[in-house]
């Protein structure tokens, strides 16, 4: 094997290690719900009726769009006419980030989500 081939092998090994570390860091960062309570945009022209209704700015009720890819939390909500925000399903306040509460959106529905305290 020539000296050039050996250098290429060593470089490929280093790059592989760097890629592995970068991938691990990215994967680990993707597991956090850093966008909890961050604004999200719902398309009023969506094919989904639930999304269209929840996207209306004059909506005074609470609604949630699940499996919403814009949010790392995968849920975009509007609570009692608020602006839309990323949220998580929850069982109690400890499931939410500090500064938030677990609130049942529709009374006796059993569906509660994290809402930022006002």
C-alpha atoms as a PDB file:
ATOM      1  CA  UNK A   1       0.000   0.000   0.000  1.00  0.00           C
ATOM      2  CA  UNK A   2       1.388   3.404  -0.929  1.00  0.00           C
ATOM      3  CA  UNK A   3       1.950   6.207   1.545  1.00  0.00           C
ATOM      4  CA  UNK A   4      -0.852   8.236  -0.111  1.00  0.00           C
ATOM      5  CA  UNK A   5      -3.306   5.361   0.365  1.00  0.00           C
ATOM      6  CA  UNK A   6      -2.355   5.099   4.046  1.00  0.00           C
ATOM      7  CA  UNK A   7      -2.969   8.832   4.561  1.00  0.00           C
ATOM      8  CA  UNK A   8      -6.353   8.567   2.885  1.00  0.00           C
ATOM      9  CA  UNK A   9      -7.301   5.688   5.203  1.00  0.00           C
ATOM     10  CA  UNK A  10      -6.255   7.686   8.281  1.00  0.00           C
ATOM     11  CA  UNK A  11      -8.171  10.751   7.091  1.00  0.00           C
ATOM     12  CA  UNK A  12     -11.275   8.632   6.441  1.00  0.00           C
ATOM     13  CA  UNK A  13     -11.012   7.166   9.970  1.00  0.00           C
ATOM     14  CA  UNK A  14     -10.786  10.649  11.526  1.00  0.00           C
ATOM     15  CA  UNK A  15     -13.700  11.940   9.482  1.00  0.00           C
ATOM     16  CA  UNK A  16     -15.742   8.899  10.464  1.00  0.00           C
ATOM     17  CA  UNK A  17     -15.058   9.629  14.144  1.00  0.00           C
ATOM     18  CA  UNK A  18     -15.969  13.297  13.739  1.00  0.00           C
ATOM     19  CA  UNK A  19     -19.176  12.341  11.931  1.00  0.00           C
ATOM     20  CA  UNK A  20     -20.098   9.863  14.684  1.00  0.00           C
ATOM     21  CA  UNK A  21     -19.608  12.485  17.418  1.00  0.00           C
ATOM     22  CA  UNK A  22     -21.588  15.093  15.445  1.00  0.00           C
ATOM     23  CA  UNK A  23     -24.387  12.592  14.843  1.00  0.00           C
ATOM     24  CA  UNK A  24     -24.528  11.670  18.538  1.00  0.00           C
ATOM     25  CA  UNK A  25     -24.696  15.332  19.561  1.00  0.00           C
ATOM     26  CA  UNK A  26     -27.427  16.062  17.014  1.00  0.00           C
ATOM     27  CA  UNK A  27     -29.434  13.016  18.030  1.00  0.00           C
ATOM     28  CA  UNK A  28     -29.158  13.905  21.710  1.00  0.00           C
ATOM     29  CA  UNK A  29     -30.242  17.481  21.040  1.00  0.00           C
ATOM     30  CA  UNK A  30     -33.235  16.246  19.063  1.00  0.00           C
ATOM     31  CA  UNK A  31     -34.586  14.482  22.132  1.00  0.00           C
ATOM     32  CA  UNK A  32     -35.243  17.691  24.033  1.00  0.00           C
ATOM     33  CA  UNK A  33     -38.486  19.619  23.811  1.00  0.00           C
ATOM     34  CA  UNK A  34     -36.764  22.975  23.544  1.00  0.00           C
ATOM     35  CA  UNK A  35     -39.627  24.534  21.616  1.00  0.00           C
ATOM     36  CA  UNK A  36     -42.262  23.990  24.310  1.00  0.00           C
ATOM     37  CA  UNK A  37     -44.450  27.159  24.358  1.00  0.00           C
ATOM     38  CA  UNK A  38     -42.720  28.517  21.219  1.00  0.00           C
ATOM     39  CA  UNK A  39     -45.040  30.001  18.551  1.00  0.00           C
ATOM     40  CA  UNK A  40     -46.166  27.710  15.741  1.00  0.00           C
ATOM     41  CA  UNK A  41     -48.009  28.499  12.516  1.00  0.00           C
ATOM     42  CA  UNK A  42     -51.096  26.615  11.435  1.00  0.00           C
ATOM     43  CA  UNK A  43     -52.167  26.766   7.788  1.00  0.00           C
ATOM     44  CA  UNK A  44     -55.728  28.110   7.414  1.00  0.00           C
ATOM     45  CA  UNK A  45     -55.808  26.441   3.968  1.00  0.00           C
ATOM     46  CA  UNK A  46     -54.787  23.009   5.241  1.00  0.00           C
ATOM     47  CA  UNK A  47     -56.517  19.878   3.973  1.00  0.00           C
ATOM     48  CA  UNK A  48     -57.181  19.012   7.619  1.00  0.00           C
ATOM     49  CA  UNK A  49     -60.394  20.534   8.974  1.00  0.00           C
ATOM     50  CA  UNK A  50     -58.991  20.447  12.520  1.00  0.00           C
ATOM     51  CA  UNK A  51     -55.959  22.475  11.402  1.00  0.00           C
ATOM     52  CA  UNK A  52     -58.104  24.988   9.482  1.00  0.00           C
ATOM     53  CA  UNK A  53     -60.404  25.579  12.465  1.00  0.00           C
ATOM     54  CA  UNK A  54     -57.544  25.869  14.960  1.00  0.00           C
ATOM     55  CA  UNK A  55     -55.684  28.239  12.598  1.00  0.00           C
ATOM     56  CA  UNK A  56     -58.451  30.862  12.739  1.00  0.00           C
ATOM     57  CA  UNK A  57     -57.202  33.889  14.685  1.00  0.00           C
ATOM     58  CA  UNK A  58     -60.674  34.670  16.007  1.00  0.00           C
ATOM     59  CA  UNK A  59     -61.025  31.240  17.619  1.00  0.00           C
ATOM     60  CA  UNK A  60     -61.840  31.712  21.312  1.00  0.00           C
ATOM     61  CA  UNK A  61     -61.775  28.053  22.268  1.00  0.00           C
ATOM     62  CA  UNK A  62     -58.946  25.622  22.856  1.00  0.00           C
ATOM     63  CA  UNK A  63     -57.719  23.175  20.225  1.00  0.00           C
ATOM     64  CA  UNK A  64     -54.696  21.017  19.483  1.00  0.00           C
ATOM     65  CA  UNK A  65     -53.230  19.742  16.217  1.00  0.00           C
ATOM     66  CA  UNK A  66     -51.240  16.555  16.875  1.00  0.00           C
ATOM     67  CA  UNK A  67     -48.456  15.081  14.758  1.00  0.00           C
ATOM     68  CA  UNK A  68     -47.469  18.632  13.842  1.00  0.00           C
ATOM     69  CA  UNK A  69     -43.926  18.470  12.457  1.00  0.00           C
ATOM     70  CA  UNK A  70     -43.073  22.166  12.887  1.00  0.00           C
ATOM     71  CA  UNK A  71     -42.946  21.594  16.671  1.00  0.00           C
ATOM     72  CA  UNK A  72     -40.349  19.296  18.212  1.00  0.00           C
ATOM     73  CA  UNK A  73     -43.100  18.502  20.712  1.00  0.00           C
ATOM     74  CA  UNK A  74     -45.280  17.382  17.747  1.00  0.00           C
ATOM     75  CA  UNK A  75     -48.328  19.315  19.026  1.00  0.00           C
ATOM     76  CA  UNK A  76     -49.444  22.858  18.128  1.00  0.00           C
ATOM     77  CA  UNK A  77     -52.252  24.382  20.207  1.00  0.00           C
ATOM     78  CA  UNK A  78     -54.400  27.416  20.848  1.00  0.00           C
ATOM     79  CA  UNK A  79     -55.714  27.888  24.398  1.00  0.00           C
ATOM     80  CA  UNK A  80     -58.813  30.035  24.954  1.00  0.00           C
ATOM     81  CA  UNK A  81     -58.065  32.272  21.983  1.00  0.00           C
ATOM     82  CA  UNK A  82     -54.314  32.601  22.558  1.00  0.00           C
ATOM     83  CA  UNK A  83     -51.762  32.687  19.771  1.00  0.00           C
ATOM     84  CA  UNK A  84     -50.773  29.186  18.636  1.00  0.00           C
ATOM     85  CA  UNK A  85     -47.872  27.538  20.478  1.00  0.00           C
ATOM     86  CA  UNK A  86     -46.022  24.223  20.685  1.00  0.00           C
ATOM     87  CA  UNK A  87     -47.191  22.040  23.551  1.00  0.00           C
ATOM     88  CA  UNK A  88     -47.068  18.537  25.043  1.00  0.00           C
ATOM     89  CA  UNK A  89     -49.738  16.208  26.376  1.00  0.00           C
ATOM     90  CA  UNK A  90     -49.464  15.959  30.171  1.00  0.00           C
ATOM     91  CA  UNK A  91     -50.967  14.341  33.246  1.00  0.00           C
ATOM     92  CA  UNK A  92     -49.884  16.899  35.859  1.00  0.00           C
ATOM     93  CA  UNK A  93     -47.907  20.142  36.181  1.00  0.00           C
ATOM     94  CA  UNK A  94     -44.603  18.309  36.704  1.00  0.00           C
ATOM     95  CA  UNK A  95     -44.838  17.051  33.093  1.00  0.00           C
ATOM     96  CA  UNK A  96     -44.548  20.674  31.890  1.00  0.00           C
ATOM     97  CA  UNK A  97     -41.527  22.951  31.796  1.00  0.00           C
ATOM     98  CA  UNK A  98     -41.137  25.494  34.591  1.00  0.00           C
ATOM     99  CA  UNK A  99     -43.549  28.367  34.079  1.00  0.00           C
ATOM    100  CA  UNK A 100     -46.269  26.122  32.689  1.00  0.00           C
ATOM    101  CA  UNK A 101     -49.296  24.189  33.904  1.00  0.00           C
ATOM    102  CA  UNK A 102     -51.048  21.030  32.782  1.00  0.00           C
ATOM    103  CA  UNK A 103     -54.573  22.065  31.773  1.00  0.00           C
ATOM    104  CA  UNK A 104     -57.477  19.999  30.485  1.00  0.00           C
ATOM    105  CA  UNK A 105     -58.469  21.706  27.235  1.00  0.00           C
ATOM    106  CA  UNK A 106     -62.049  20.464  27.105  1.00  0.00           C
ATOM    107  CA  UNK A 107     -63.609  19.749  30.497  1.00  0.00           C
ATOM    108  CA  UNK A 108     -63.976  16.014  31.172  1.00  0.00           C
ATOM    109  CA  UNK A 109     -62.244  15.130  27.893  1.00  0.00           C
ATOM    110  CA  UNK A 110     -59.221  13.639  29.627  1.00  0.00           C
ATOM    111  CA  UNK A 111     -56.967  15.547  27.197  1.00  0.00           C
ATOM    112  CA  UNK A 112     -54.563  17.833  29.033  1.00  0.00           C
ATOM    113  CA  UNK A 113     -51.692  19.846  27.582  1.00  0.00           C
ATOM    114  CA  UNK A 114     -48.935  22.092  28.892  1.00  0.00           C
ATOM    115  CA  UNK A 115     -49.852  25.786  28.788  1.00  0.00           C
ATOM    116  CA  UNK A 116     -47.465  28.585  29.668  1.00  0.00           C
ATOM    117  CA  UNK A 117     -48.545  30.505  32.772  1.00  0.00           C
ATOM    118  CA  UNK A 118     -49.648  34.064  32.065  1.00  0.00           C
END
